[in-house]
């Protein structure tokens, strides 16, 4: 089950065919959920 923030993000991004996601932390669940029939590039930024 997705958290409320993940569900909201998925509903906003679902209409797009190509997505580039740059985030802080790990949001693999979002990229995975949106990957069907789309091109997804997901990059996470980690503080050094």
Protein backbone atom coordinates (compact mmCIF):
# COMPACT_ATOMS: atom_id res chain seq x y z
CA UNK A 1 0.00 0.00 0.00
CA UNK A 2 1.25 3.50 -0.85
CA UNK A 3 1.53 6.34 1.61
CA UNK A 4 -0.68 9.40 1.08
CA UNK A 5 2.23 11.44 -0.30
CA UNK A 6 3.15 8.68 -2.78
CA UNK A 7 -0.47 8.31 -3.89
CA UNK A 8 -0.74 12.08 -4.44
CA UNK A 9 2.50 12.15 -6.41
CA UNK A 10 1.39 9.23 -8.57
CA UNK A 11 -1.93 10.88 -9.40
CA UNK A 12 -0.19 14.10 -10.47
CA UNK A 13 2.47 12.39 -12.62
CA UNK A 14 0.36 9.60 -14.16
CA UNK A 15 -0.76 11.59 -17.29
CA UNK A 16 2.83 12.17 -18.48
CA UNK A 17 4.51 9.73 -20.91
CA UNK A 18 8.12 10.74 -20.19
CA UNK A 19 9.33 11.61 -16.73
CA UNK A 20 12.59 12.65 -15.13
CA UNK A 21 12.51 12.39 -11.36
CA UNK A 22 15.23 13.96 -9.25
CA UNK A 23 14.75 13.60 -5.54
CA UNK A 24 16.38 13.51 -2.18
CA UNK A 25 16.15 10.12 -0.54
CA UNK A 26 14.78 6.88 -1.92
CA UNK A 27 11.48 6.93 -3.81
CA UNK A 28 11.86 3.74 -5.83
CA UNK A 29 8.18 2.98 -5.20
CA UNK A 30 7.15 6.04 -7.22
CA UNK A 31 9.42 5.26 -10.19
CA UNK A 32 8.34 1.62 -10.16
CA UNK A 33 4.63 2.47 -10.00
CA UNK A 34 4.91 4.90 -12.91
CA UNK A 35 7.17 2.75 -15.10
CA UNK A 36 4.45 0.89 -17.03
CA UNK A 37 4.36 2.18 -20.65
CA UNK A 38 6.64 5.12 -19.81
CA UNK A 39 10.28 6.14 -19.88
CA UNK A 40 11.43 6.88 -16.34
CA UNK A 41 14.75 8.37 -15.29
CA UNK A 42 15.04 8.50 -11.51
CA UNK A 43 18.01 10.03 -9.74
CA UNK A 44 18.35 10.43 -6.00
CA UNK A 45 20.65 12.98 -4.43
CA UNK A 46 22.50 11.91 -1.31
CA UNK A 47 24.40 14.34 0.90
CA UNK A 48 28.17 13.66 1.03
